[in-house]
Amino acid sequence: MFLVCFIPCFPISSPCLSIHLSIHPSVHHLPLQQRMVAAEQEMQRGRVKLRSTRQELQRLAATVAKSERMATGLVADLRMVQPGVPDVLALRASAAAKAAALRTERKALERNVYRIARLDP
C-alpha cells in the first residue's frame, strides 16, 4: 500500500508541490507470504468486479440494440407513409439520426465488452 503525500516546497500559495511516495508501515512489517495472499485476494476481487462490469455492459448493449432496432423499424415504417403527410420527412430524419446515434453507442459498448473480455482469462 502506498501513500502519496504532498509537501509544499514553497509557501502554500506557490503552485510547486513536491510529491513523496512512502510505503505504509503496516505493509512493510507483514511477512512476504501474507502480502502474497492479500495480493491474490485483491486480484480475485478485481476479476469479479471486471466480470460484473462486463455483464452489465453486455446487458446495456442489448438494451441499446433493441432501441436501435425499434428506431430503424420506425424509419422503415415512415418511408411507407404517403409523401403528402406533413412533417413526415422531418420525423423520419429525426428517427434516422436517433438510430445512427444508438448504433454508435452500441458499437462503443461492444468494443468495451470485448476489451474487458480480453483481460479476463
C-alpha atoms as a PDB file:
ATOM      1  CA  MET A   1       0.000   0.000   0.000  1.00  0.00           C
ATOM      2  CA  PHE A   2       1.445   3.353  -0.994  1.00  0.00           C
ATOM      3  CA  LEU A   3       0.595   6.715   0.457  1.00  0.00           C
ATOM      4  CA  VAL A   4       1.155   9.868  -1.511  1.00  0.00           C
ATOM      5  CA  CYS A   5       1.992  12.953   0.491  1.00  0.00           C
ATOM      6  CA  PHE A   6       2.005  16.433  -0.978  1.00  0.00           C
ATOM      7  CA  ILE A   7       4.610  18.554   0.731  1.00  0.00           C
ATOM      8  CA  PRO A   8       4.862  22.141  -0.481  1.00  0.00           C
ATOM      9  CA  CYS A   9       8.385  23.280  -1.384  1.00  0.00           C
ATOM     10  CA  PHE A  10       7.376  26.921  -1.045  1.00  0.00           C
ATOM     11  CA  PRO A  11       4.571  28.697   0.756  1.00  0.00           C
ATOM     12  CA  ILE A  12       1.122  27.221   0.126  1.00  0.00           C
ATOM     13  CA  SER A  13       0.290  29.894  -2.457  1.00  0.00           C
ATOM     14  CA  SER A  14       3.059  28.537  -4.707  1.00  0.00           C
ATOM     15  CA  PRO A  15       1.946  26.013  -7.352  1.00  0.00           C
ATOM     16  CA  CYS A  16       5.172  23.994  -6.967  1.00  0.00           C
ATOM     17  CA  LEU A  17       4.465  20.888  -4.900  1.00  0.00           C
ATOM     18  CA  SER A  18       6.812  18.040  -4.184  1.00  0.00           C
ATOM     19  CA  ILE A  19       5.391  14.519  -4.216  1.00  0.00           C
ATOM     20  CA  HIS A  20       6.827  11.935  -1.819  1.00  0.00           C
ATOM     21  CA  LEU A  21       5.982   8.254  -2.117  1.00  0.00           C
ATOM     22  CA  SER A  22       6.249   6.186   1.023  1.00  0.00           C
ATOM     23  CA  ILE A  23       5.359   2.628   1.952  1.00  0.00           C
ATOM     24  CA  HIS A  24       2.714   2.283   4.631  1.00  0.00           C
ATOM     25  CA  PRO A  25       4.399   0.909   7.786  1.00  0.00           C
ATOM     26  CA  SER A  26       1.841  -1.859   8.357  1.00  0.00           C
ATOM     27  CA  VAL A  27       2.552  -3.338   4.904  1.00  0.00           C
ATOM     28  CA  HIS A  28       6.299  -3.222   5.422  1.00  0.00           C
ATOM     29  CA  HIS A  29       6.168  -5.414   8.550  1.00  0.00           C
ATOM     30  CA  LEU A  30       3.955  -8.158   7.118  1.00  0.00           C
ATOM     31  CA  PRO A  31       5.688 -11.361   6.131  1.00  0.00           C
ATOM     32  CA  LEU A  32       6.045 -11.962   2.421  1.00  0.00           C
ATOM     33  CA  GLN A  33       3.604 -14.888   2.432  1.00  0.00           C
ATOM     34  CA  GLN A  34       0.814 -12.781   3.977  1.00  0.00           C
ATOM     35  CA  ARG A  35       1.383  -9.992   1.484  1.00  0.00           C
ATOM     36  CA  MET A  36       1.228 -12.509  -1.357  1.00  0.00           C
ATOM     37  CA  VAL A  37      -2.076 -13.929  -0.065  1.00  0.00           C
ATOM     38  CA  ALA A  38      -3.502 -10.417   0.302  1.00  0.00           C
ATOM     39  CA  ALA A  39      -2.415  -9.559  -3.252  1.00  0.00           C
ATOM     40  CA  GLU A  40      -4.045 -12.713  -4.640  1.00  0.00           C
ATOM     41  CA  GLN A  41      -7.286 -11.928  -2.820  1.00  0.00           C
ATOM     42  CA  GLU A  42      -7.237  -8.389  -4.187  1.00  0.00           C
ATOM     43  CA  MET A  43      -6.635  -9.753  -7.687  1.00  0.00           C
ATOM     44  CA  GLN A  44      -9.617 -12.105  -7.325  1.00  0.00           C
ATOM     45  CA  ARG A  45     -11.844  -9.238  -6.161  1.00  0.00           C
ATOM     46  CA  GLY A  46     -10.698  -7.236  -9.177  1.00  0.00           C
ATOM     47  CA  ARG A  47     -11.557 -10.091 -11.530  1.00  0.00           C
ATOM     48  CA  VAL A  48     -15.018 -10.440 -10.005  1.00  0.00           C
ATOM     49  CA  LYS A  49     -15.615  -6.707 -10.455  1.00  0.00           C
ATOM     50  CA  LEU A  50     -14.340  -6.936 -14.026  1.00  0.00           C
ATOM     51  CA  ARG A  51     -16.738  -9.790 -14.826  1.00  0.00           C
ATOM     52  CA  SER A  52     -19.709  -7.980 -13.302  1.00  0.00           C
ATOM     53  CA  THR A  53     -18.831  -4.830 -15.243  1.00  0.00           C
ATOM     54  CA  ARG A  54     -18.625  -6.840 -18.467  1.00  0.00           C
ATOM     55  CA  GLN A  55     -22.031  -8.420 -17.798  1.00  0.00           C
ATOM     56  CA  GLU A  56     -23.561  -5.033 -17.046  1.00  0.00           C
ATOM     57  CA  LEU A  57     -22.133  -3.600 -20.268  1.00  0.00           C
ATOM     58  CA  GLN A  58     -23.488  -6.591 -22.203  1.00  0.00           C
ATOM     59  CA  ARG A  59     -26.976  -6.012 -20.780  1.00  0.00           C
ATOM     60  CA  LEU A  60     -26.759  -2.319 -21.619  1.00  0.00           C
ATOM     61  CA  ALA A  61     -25.559  -3.099 -25.165  1.00  0.00           C
ATOM     62  CA  ALA A  62     -28.516  -5.468 -25.621  1.00  0.00           C
ATOM     63  CA  THR A  63     -30.927  -2.765 -24.462  1.00  0.00           C
ATOM     64  CA  VAL A  64     -29.360  -0.212 -26.807  1.00  0.00           C
ATOM     65  CA  ALA A  65     -29.512  -2.746 -29.675  1.00  0.00           C
ATOM     66  CA  LYS A  66     -33.222  -3.256 -29.025  1.00  0.00           C
ATOM     67  CA  SER A  67     -33.804   0.509 -29.093  1.00  0.00           C
ATOM     68  CA  GLU A  68     -31.749   0.732 -32.282  1.00  0.00           C
ATOM     69  CA  ARG A  69     -33.896  -1.950 -33.941  1.00  0.00           C
ATOM     70  CA  MET A  70     -37.053  -0.112 -32.916  1.00  0.00           C
ATOM     71  CA  ALA A  71     -35.752   3.191 -34.311  1.00  0.00           C
ATOM     72  CA  THR A  72     -34.717   1.506 -37.557  1.00  0.00           C
ATOM     73  CA  GLY A  73     -38.162  -0.088 -37.808  1.00  0.00           C
ATOM     74  CA  LEU A  74     -39.763   3.306 -37.262  1.00  0.00           C
ATOM     75  CA  VAL A  75     -37.682   4.773 -40.094  1.00  0.00           C
ATOM     76  CA  ALA A  76     -38.783   1.917 -42.358  1.00  0.00           C
ATOM     77  CA  ASP A  77     -42.429   2.481 -41.393  1.00  0.00           C
ATOM     78  CA  LEU A  78     -42.146   6.216 -42.029  1.00  0.00           C
ATOM     79  CA  ARG A  79     -40.799   5.508 -45.527  1.00  0.00           C
ATOM     80  CA  MET A  80     -44.136   3.822 -46.339  1.00  0.00           C
ATOM     81  CA  VAL A  81     -46.193   6.839 -45.267  1.00  0.00           C
ATOM     82  CA  GLN A  82     -47.694   8.930 -48.063  1.00  0.00           C
ATOM     83  CA  PRO A  83     -45.293  11.726 -49.073  1.00  0.00           C
ATOM     84  CA  GLY A  84     -48.070  14.316 -48.767  1.00  0.00           C
ATOM     85  CA  VAL A  85     -48.397  13.937 -44.993  1.00  0.00           C
ATOM     86  CA  PRO A  86     -46.898  16.985 -43.281  1.00  0.00           C
ATOM     87  CA  ASP A  87     -43.682  16.638 -41.222  1.00  0.00           C
ATOM     88  CA  VAL A  88     -43.041  13.027 -42.277  1.00  0.00           C
ATOM     89  CA  LEU A  89     -39.636  13.887 -43.721  1.00  0.00           C
ATOM     90  CA  ALA A  90     -38.587  15.762 -40.588  1.00  0.00           C
ATOM     91  CA  LEU A  91     -39.801  12.947 -38.350  1.00  0.00           C
ATOM     92  CA  ARG A  92     -38.059  10.335 -40.479  1.00  0.00           C
ATOM     93  CA  ALA A  93     -34.811  12.320 -40.423  1.00  0.00           C
ATOM     94  CA  SER A  94     -35.028  12.647 -36.665  1.00  0.00           C
ATOM     95  CA  ALA A  95     -35.662   8.915 -36.233  1.00  0.00           C
ATOM     96  CA  ALA A  96     -32.762   8.088 -38.572  1.00  0.00           C
ATOM     97  CA  ALA A  97     -30.449  10.368 -36.566  1.00  0.00           C
ATOM     98  CA  LYS A  98     -31.513   8.676 -33.327  1.00  0.00           C
ATOM     99  CA  ALA A  99     -30.923   5.241 -34.878  1.00  0.00           C
ATOM    100  CA  ALA A 100     -27.444   6.292 -36.003  1.00  0.00           C
ATOM    101  CA  ALA A 101     -26.616   7.635 -32.535  1.00  0.00           C
ATOM    102  CA  LEU A 102     -27.837   4.395 -30.960  1.00  0.00           C
ATOM    103  CA  ARG A 103     -25.725   2.373 -33.403  1.00  0.00           C
ATOM    104  CA  THR A 104     -22.641   4.392 -32.421  1.00  0.00           C
ATOM    105  CA  GLU A 105     -23.342   3.868 -28.715  1.00  0.00           C
ATOM    106  CA  ARG A 106     -23.915   0.138 -29.188  1.00  0.00           C
ATOM    107  CA  LYS A 107     -20.649  -0.274 -31.063  1.00  0.00           C
ATOM    108  CA  ALA A 108     -18.756   1.631 -28.373  1.00  0.00           C
ATOM    109  CA  LEU A 109     -20.298  -0.566 -25.676  1.00  0.00           C
ATOM    110  CA  GLU A 110     -19.426  -3.718 -27.603  1.00  0.00           C
ATOM    111  CA  ARG A 111     -15.821  -2.539 -28.006  1.00  0.00           C
ATOM    112  CA  ASN A 112     -15.591  -2.081 -24.246  1.00  0.00           C
ATOM    113  CA  VAL A 113     -17.085  -5.525 -23.658  1.00  0.00           C
ATOM    114  CA  TYR A 114     -14.510  -7.102 -25.987  1.00  0.00           C
ATOM    115  CA  ARG A 115     -11.688  -5.159 -24.327  1.00  0.00           C
ATOM    116  CA  ILE A 116     -12.752  -6.390 -20.893  1.00  0.00           C
ATOM    117  CA  ALA A 117     -13.195  -9.955 -22.196  1.00  0.00           C
ATOM    118  CA  ARG A 118      -9.589  -9.968 -23.386  1.00  0.00           C
ATOM    119  CA  LEU A 119      -8.426  -9.022 -19.886  1.00  0.00           C
ATOM    120  CA  ASP A 120     -10.456 -11.732 -18.163  1.00  0.00           C
ATOM    121  CA  PRO A 121      -8.869 -15.167 -18.608  1.00  0.00           C
END
